Every structure is written in structure tokens, then in C-alpha cells.
N, C-alpha and C. Protein backbone atom coordinates (compact mmCIF):
# COMPACT_ATOMS: atom_id res chain seq x y z
N MET A 1 17.97 3.39 -9.14
CA MET A 1 17.97 2.69 -7.88
C MET A 1 16.62 1.99 -7.71
N ASN A 2 16.62 0.71 -7.37
CA ASN A 2 15.40 -0.07 -7.25
C ASN A 2 14.92 -0.20 -5.82
N GLU A 3 14.54 0.90 -5.23
CA GLU A 3 14.02 0.85 -3.88
C GLU A 3 13.02 1.99 -3.67
N LEU A 4 12.27 1.88 -2.61
CA LEU A 4 11.33 2.92 -2.24
C LEU A 4 12.01 3.76 -1.15
N PRO A 5 12.35 5.03 -1.42
CA PRO A 5 13.09 5.82 -0.44
C PRO A 5 12.34 6.01 0.87
N LYS A 6 13.08 6.30 1.92
CA LYS A 6 12.52 6.44 3.26
C LYS A 6 11.43 7.51 3.32
N HIS A 7 11.61 8.63 2.61
CA HIS A 7 10.62 9.70 2.69
C HIS A 7 9.29 9.34 2.01
N LYS A 8 9.26 8.22 1.28
CA LYS A 8 8.01 7.78 0.65
C LYS A 8 7.35 6.65 1.43
N ARG A 9 7.94 6.25 2.57
CA ARG A 9 7.36 5.21 3.41
C ARG A 9 6.64 5.85 4.58
N LEU A 10 5.48 5.33 4.90
CA LEU A 10 4.69 5.85 6.02
C LEU A 10 5.24 5.31 7.32
N CYS A 11 5.62 6.20 8.22
CA CYS A 11 6.17 5.83 9.53
C CYS A 11 5.48 6.67 10.60
N GLY A 12 5.52 6.22 11.79
CA GLY A 12 4.99 6.98 12.91
C GLY A 12 3.62 6.49 13.34
N GLN A 13 3.52 6.14 14.60
CA GLN A 13 2.29 5.56 15.12
C GLN A 13 1.12 6.55 15.04
N VAL A 14 1.36 7.83 15.22
CA VAL A 14 0.29 8.83 15.21
C VAL A 14 -0.33 8.91 13.82
N ARG A 15 0.51 9.01 12.79
CA ARG A 15 -0.01 9.11 11.41
C ARG A 15 -0.71 7.83 10.98
N ILE A 16 -0.17 6.68 11.38
CA ILE A 16 -0.77 5.41 10.99
C ILE A 16 -2.13 5.23 11.67
N SER A 17 -2.21 5.53 12.97
CA SER A 17 -3.49 5.37 13.67
C SER A 17 -4.52 6.37 13.14
N ARG A 18 -4.08 7.57 12.78
CA ARG A 18 -4.99 8.56 12.19
C ARG A 18 -5.50 8.07 10.82
N LEU A 19 -4.63 7.45 10.05
CA LEU A 19 -5.03 6.91 8.74
C LEU A 19 -6.11 5.86 8.91
N TYR A 20 -5.93 4.92 9.84
CA TYR A 20 -6.92 3.86 10.02
C TYR A 20 -8.20 4.37 10.67
N LYS A 21 -8.13 5.46 11.41
CA LYS A 21 -9.32 6.01 12.06
C LYS A 21 -10.13 6.87 11.09
N GLU A 22 -9.46 7.71 10.30
CA GLU A 22 -10.15 8.70 9.47
C GLU A 22 -10.13 8.40 7.98
N GLY A 23 -9.33 7.43 7.55
CA GLY A 23 -9.15 7.19 6.13
C GLY A 23 -10.31 6.46 5.47
N LYS A 24 -10.32 6.52 4.13
CA LYS A 24 -11.31 5.80 3.33
C LYS A 24 -10.76 4.42 3.02
N ARG A 25 -11.66 3.42 2.95
CA ARG A 25 -11.24 2.04 2.71
C ARG A 25 -11.97 1.44 1.52
N PHE A 26 -11.28 0.56 0.84
CA PHE A 26 -11.91 -0.26 -0.19
C PHE A 26 -11.04 -1.50 -0.39
N VAL A 27 -11.59 -2.48 -1.06
CA VAL A 27 -10.86 -3.73 -1.32
C VAL A 27 -10.52 -3.81 -2.79
N ALA A 28 -9.25 -4.04 -3.07
CA ALA A 28 -8.76 -4.38 -4.41
C ALA A 28 -8.09 -5.73 -4.23
N TRP A 29 -8.86 -6.79 -4.40
CA TRP A 29 -8.41 -8.13 -4.04
C TRP A 29 -7.06 -8.44 -4.64
N PRO A 30 -6.11 -8.91 -3.92
CA PRO A 30 -6.10 -9.51 -2.59
C PRO A 30 -5.68 -8.53 -1.48
N MET A 31 -5.96 -7.25 -1.62
CA MET A 31 -5.54 -6.27 -0.62
C MET A 31 -6.70 -5.39 -0.19
N ARG A 32 -6.64 -4.93 1.05
CA ARG A 32 -7.52 -3.87 1.52
C ARG A 32 -6.69 -2.60 1.51
N VAL A 33 -7.23 -1.57 0.90
CA VAL A 33 -6.50 -0.31 0.76
C VAL A 33 -7.17 0.74 1.63
N THR A 34 -6.38 1.43 2.44
CA THR A 34 -6.85 2.53 3.25
C THR A 34 -6.05 3.75 2.84
N TRP A 35 -6.73 4.86 2.60
CA TRP A 35 -6.01 6.06 2.17
C TRP A 35 -6.70 7.32 2.68
N MET A 36 -5.96 8.39 2.72
CA MET A 36 -6.51 9.70 3.07
C MET A 36 -5.58 10.78 2.55
N PRO A 37 -6.11 11.97 2.27
CA PRO A 37 -5.26 13.07 1.83
C PRO A 37 -4.25 13.45 2.92
N ALA A 38 -3.12 13.96 2.50
CA ALA A 38 -2.06 14.34 3.44
C ALA A 38 -1.66 15.79 3.20
N GLU A 39 -0.86 16.32 4.10
CA GLU A 39 -0.40 17.69 3.98
C GLU A 39 0.71 17.82 2.94
N GLU A 40 1.60 16.85 2.91
CA GLU A 40 2.75 16.93 2.03
C GLU A 40 3.19 15.55 1.58
N GLY A 41 3.60 15.45 0.34
CA GLY A 41 4.16 14.21 -0.18
C GLY A 41 3.19 13.04 -0.20
N ARG A 42 3.60 12.00 -0.88
CA ARG A 42 2.82 10.78 -0.97
C ARG A 42 3.61 9.69 -0.27
N GLN A 43 2.99 9.06 0.74
CA GLN A 43 3.66 8.01 1.50
C GLN A 43 2.83 6.74 1.46
N VAL A 44 3.51 5.61 1.57
CA VAL A 44 2.84 4.32 1.47
C VAL A 44 3.34 3.38 2.57
N MET A 45 2.43 2.49 3.01
CA MET A 45 2.77 1.46 3.98
C MET A 45 2.22 0.14 3.45
N VAL A 46 3.01 -0.91 3.52
CA VAL A 46 2.55 -2.25 3.13
C VAL A 46 2.58 -3.14 4.34
N TRP A 47 1.63 -4.06 4.40
CA TRP A 47 1.46 -4.87 5.60
C TRP A 47 0.94 -6.25 5.24
N ALA A 48 1.55 -7.28 5.80
CA ALA A 48 1.09 -8.66 5.65
C ALA A 48 0.97 -9.23 7.07
N PRO A 49 -0.20 -9.73 7.44
CA PRO A 49 -0.43 -10.12 8.83
C PRO A 49 0.25 -11.42 9.24
N LYS A 50 0.74 -11.41 10.45
CA LYS A 50 1.37 -12.60 11.02
C LYS A 50 0.32 -13.68 11.30
N SER A 51 -0.92 -13.28 11.51
CA SER A 51 -1.97 -14.26 11.78
C SER A 51 -2.27 -15.14 10.56
N LEU A 52 -2.03 -14.62 9.36
CA LEU A 52 -2.25 -15.41 8.15
C LEU A 52 -0.98 -16.10 7.65
N PHE A 53 0.16 -15.46 7.86
CA PHE A 53 1.44 -16.01 7.36
C PHE A 53 2.41 -16.12 8.53
N LYS A 54 2.54 -17.33 9.03
CA LYS A 54 3.34 -17.57 10.23
C LYS A 54 4.84 -17.40 9.98
N HIS A 55 5.28 -17.66 8.76
CA HIS A 55 6.71 -17.59 8.46
C HIS A 55 7.08 -16.19 7.96
N ALA A 56 8.14 -15.65 8.53
CA ALA A 56 8.58 -14.29 8.18
C ALA A 56 8.95 -14.18 6.70
N VAL A 57 9.49 -15.26 6.13
CA VAL A 57 9.87 -15.19 4.72
C VAL A 57 8.65 -14.96 3.83
N ASP A 58 7.51 -15.51 4.20
CA ASP A 58 6.28 -15.29 3.42
C ASP A 58 5.81 -13.84 3.54
N ARG A 59 5.81 -13.30 4.75
CA ARG A 59 5.41 -11.91 4.96
C ARG A 59 6.36 -10.95 4.24
N ASN A 60 7.65 -11.24 4.33
CA ASN A 60 8.63 -10.38 3.66
C ASN A 60 8.45 -10.41 2.15
N ARG A 61 8.17 -11.58 1.60
CA ARG A 61 7.95 -11.69 0.15
C ARG A 61 6.75 -10.88 -0.29
N LEU A 62 5.65 -10.99 0.45
CA LEU A 62 4.45 -10.23 0.11
C LEU A 62 4.70 -8.73 0.18
N ARG A 63 5.38 -8.29 1.22
CA ARG A 63 5.68 -6.87 1.35
C ARG A 63 6.58 -6.40 0.21
N ARG A 64 7.55 -7.22 -0.15
CA ARG A 64 8.45 -6.87 -1.24
C ARG A 64 7.69 -6.76 -2.56
N LEU A 65 6.77 -7.69 -2.81
CA LEU A 65 5.99 -7.65 -4.05
C LEU A 65 5.08 -6.42 -4.10
N MET A 66 4.42 -6.10 -2.98
CA MET A 66 3.54 -4.93 -2.96
C MET A 66 4.33 -3.63 -3.13
N ARG A 67 5.48 -3.53 -2.46
CA ARG A 67 6.32 -2.33 -2.60
C ARG A 67 6.80 -2.15 -4.03
N GLU A 68 7.22 -3.25 -4.65
CA GLU A 68 7.72 -3.18 -6.02
C GLU A 68 6.62 -2.76 -6.99
N ALA A 69 5.43 -3.32 -6.83
CA ALA A 69 4.32 -2.94 -7.70
C ALA A 69 3.98 -1.46 -7.53
N TYR A 70 3.98 -0.98 -6.29
CA TYR A 70 3.71 0.44 -6.06
C TYR A 70 4.81 1.30 -6.65
N ARG A 71 6.06 0.91 -6.44
CA ARG A 71 7.18 1.71 -6.92
C ARG A 71 7.16 1.86 -8.44
N LEU A 72 6.80 0.79 -9.14
CA LEU A 72 6.77 0.85 -10.60
C LEU A 72 5.58 1.64 -11.14
N HIS A 73 4.50 1.72 -10.38
CA HIS A 73 3.29 2.37 -10.87
C HIS A 73 2.90 3.60 -10.06
N GLN A 74 3.80 4.10 -9.22
CA GLN A 74 3.45 5.25 -8.40
C GLN A 74 3.16 6.46 -9.29
N PRO A 75 2.19 7.26 -8.88
CA PRO A 75 1.82 8.41 -9.69
C PRO A 75 2.88 9.50 -9.64
N ALA A 76 2.78 10.42 -10.58
CA ALA A 76 3.71 11.54 -10.61
C ALA A 76 3.51 12.43 -9.38
N GLU A 77 4.51 13.21 -9.06
CA GLU A 77 4.47 14.03 -7.85
C GLU A 77 3.44 15.15 -7.92
N GLU A 78 3.00 15.54 -9.12
CA GLU A 78 2.03 16.63 -9.21
C GLU A 78 0.62 16.22 -8.76
N VAL A 79 0.42 14.94 -8.52
CA VAL A 79 -0.86 14.45 -8.00
C VAL A 79 -0.97 14.89 -6.54
N ARG A 80 -2.21 15.14 -6.09
CA ARG A 80 -2.43 15.59 -4.72
C ARG A 80 -1.82 14.60 -3.72
N PRO A 81 -1.13 15.09 -2.70
CA PRO A 81 -0.48 14.19 -1.74
C PRO A 81 -1.48 13.41 -0.89
N CYS A 82 -1.12 12.17 -0.58
CA CYS A 82 -1.96 11.34 0.28
C CYS A 82 -1.10 10.26 0.91
N ILE A 83 -1.67 9.60 1.91
CA ILE A 83 -0.99 8.47 2.52
C ILE A 83 -1.84 7.23 2.27
N ILE A 84 -1.18 6.12 1.98
CA ILE A 84 -1.85 4.89 1.56
C ILE A 84 -1.31 3.72 2.36
N ALA A 85 -2.20 2.80 2.74
CA ALA A 85 -1.79 1.55 3.38
C ALA A 85 -2.37 0.39 2.56
N PHE A 86 -1.51 -0.53 2.17
CA PHE A 86 -1.92 -1.74 1.47
C PHE A 86 -1.84 -2.89 2.47
N ASN A 87 -2.97 -3.50 2.81
CA ASN A 87 -3.03 -4.62 3.74
C ASN A 87 -3.38 -5.88 2.95
N TYR A 88 -2.52 -6.86 2.99
CA TYR A 88 -2.75 -8.11 2.27
C TYR A 88 -3.76 -8.94 3.06
N ILE A 89 -4.86 -9.36 2.43
CA ILE A 89 -5.92 -10.06 3.16
C ILE A 89 -6.20 -11.47 2.65
N ASP A 90 -5.59 -11.88 1.56
CA ASP A 90 -5.80 -13.23 1.05
C ASP A 90 -5.03 -14.23 1.91
N LYS A 91 -5.52 -15.46 1.99
CA LYS A 91 -4.87 -16.48 2.82
C LYS A 91 -3.74 -17.19 2.09
N GLU A 92 -3.65 -16.98 0.77
CA GLU A 92 -2.59 -17.60 -0.02
C GLU A 92 -1.75 -16.53 -0.69
N ILE A 93 -0.51 -16.86 -0.96
CA ILE A 93 0.38 -15.92 -1.64
C ILE A 93 0.05 -15.93 -3.12
N GLN A 94 -0.38 -14.79 -3.63
CA GLN A 94 -0.72 -14.67 -5.04
C GLN A 94 0.53 -14.32 -5.85
N PRO A 95 0.55 -14.64 -7.14
CA PRO A 95 1.70 -14.27 -7.97
C PRO A 95 1.78 -12.75 -8.16
N TYR A 96 2.96 -12.30 -8.57
CA TYR A 96 3.21 -10.87 -8.71
C TYR A 96 2.21 -10.20 -9.65
N ALA A 97 1.82 -10.85 -10.73
CA ALA A 97 0.90 -10.26 -11.70
C ALA A 97 -0.44 -9.88 -11.05
N VAL A 98 -0.93 -10.71 -10.16
CA VAL A 98 -2.20 -10.43 -9.47
C VAL A 98 -2.04 -9.24 -8.52
N ILE A 99 -0.93 -9.21 -7.80
CA ILE A 99 -0.68 -8.12 -6.86
C ILE A 99 -0.49 -6.81 -7.62
N GLU A 100 0.24 -6.86 -8.72
CA GLU A 100 0.47 -5.66 -9.52
C GLU A 100 -0.85 -5.11 -10.08
N LYS A 101 -1.70 -6.00 -10.57
CA LYS A 101 -3.00 -5.58 -11.10
C LYS A 101 -3.84 -4.91 -10.01
N ALA A 102 -3.80 -5.45 -8.79
CA ALA A 102 -4.56 -4.88 -7.68
C ALA A 102 -4.03 -3.51 -7.29
N VAL A 103 -2.71 -3.35 -7.29
CA VAL A 103 -2.11 -2.05 -6.94
C VAL A 103 -2.48 -1.00 -7.98
N VAL A 104 -2.42 -1.35 -9.26
CA VAL A 104 -2.79 -0.42 -10.32
C VAL A 104 -4.26 -0.03 -10.19
N LYS A 105 -5.11 -1.00 -9.94
CA LYS A 105 -6.54 -0.74 -9.75
C LYS A 105 -6.77 0.20 -8.57
N ALA A 106 -6.05 -0.04 -7.47
CA ALA A 106 -6.19 0.80 -6.27
C ALA A 106 -5.73 2.23 -6.55
N LEU A 107 -4.60 2.39 -7.23
CA LEU A 107 -4.09 3.73 -7.51
C LEU A 107 -5.03 4.50 -8.43
N LYS A 108 -5.64 3.81 -9.40
CA LYS A 108 -6.63 4.47 -10.26
C LYS A 108 -7.84 4.92 -9.47
N ARG A 109 -8.30 4.07 -8.56
CA ARG A 109 -9.46 4.43 -7.76
C ARG A 109 -9.16 5.61 -6.84
N ILE A 110 -7.98 5.63 -6.25
CA ILE A 110 -7.59 6.76 -5.39
C ILE A 110 -7.52 8.05 -6.21
N LYS A 111 -6.96 7.95 -7.40
CA LYS A 111 -6.86 9.14 -8.27
C LYS A 111 -8.25 9.67 -8.63
N ASN A 112 -9.19 8.77 -8.90
CA ASN A 112 -10.54 9.18 -9.27
C ASN A 112 -11.32 9.76 -8.08
N ASP A 113 -11.01 9.29 -6.86
CA ASP A 113 -11.69 9.78 -5.67
C ASP A 113 -11.17 11.14 -5.21
N GLU A 114 -9.97 11.50 -5.62
CA GLU A 114 -9.37 12.76 -5.16
C GLU A 114 -10.11 13.96 -5.66
């Protein structure tokens, strides 16, 4: 199945606001990554701002590309659980190869920081 299941998506305003308040941040261009350890499971959130991309089709495409790159390169479940947010910060839509490279770089950095 080619999708990211619901239990692996970060939901809930309390958890998201806690992530942005207490989480660690770094930039893996063209994304800003915010992450923090969690109690259970590994969850991810992808975000493309409306202020940079006025058309919903552009935001949806970026979110789809980031989710797909994460899904293909997500770490094994034996890795310590954490929650991750990928925020797209570039003003132009980059090709999938660039986004995939950034996601892999971010996941390696998170693994090394754990």
C-alpha cells in the first residue's frame, strides 16, 4: 500500500504546539525540520505555507512529495520514537530528487542526535 497510515501522522493541536515550543530545529534545505522525542511511535507532519504558495494544488503537491520521500526512507520501528514536522520554506517548488535528498539528510541528523 502506497500511503502513510493515520497512526504515523501527527495530529492534535496540543502535540503540535508542544513540538514547536519544545522541539529541536534545523534546516535541511528546502525544509525546516522540527523534532522531539515522543512517548510512543514515530509520527510525522508535513506543511507547506499558504503565504508562499497561493494555489492549493501547489501546496498539495509539496505535501505529497514530502510524505512520499519520508514514507520511502522512514527508519525501522526499533529506532527511538519521536515526532517530526517538515516545513517547506523555499519560495519555489523543487523537484522530487531535491526534496528526497533533504528528507534523507534530516532523518540521518535526527538519528545521530538521538
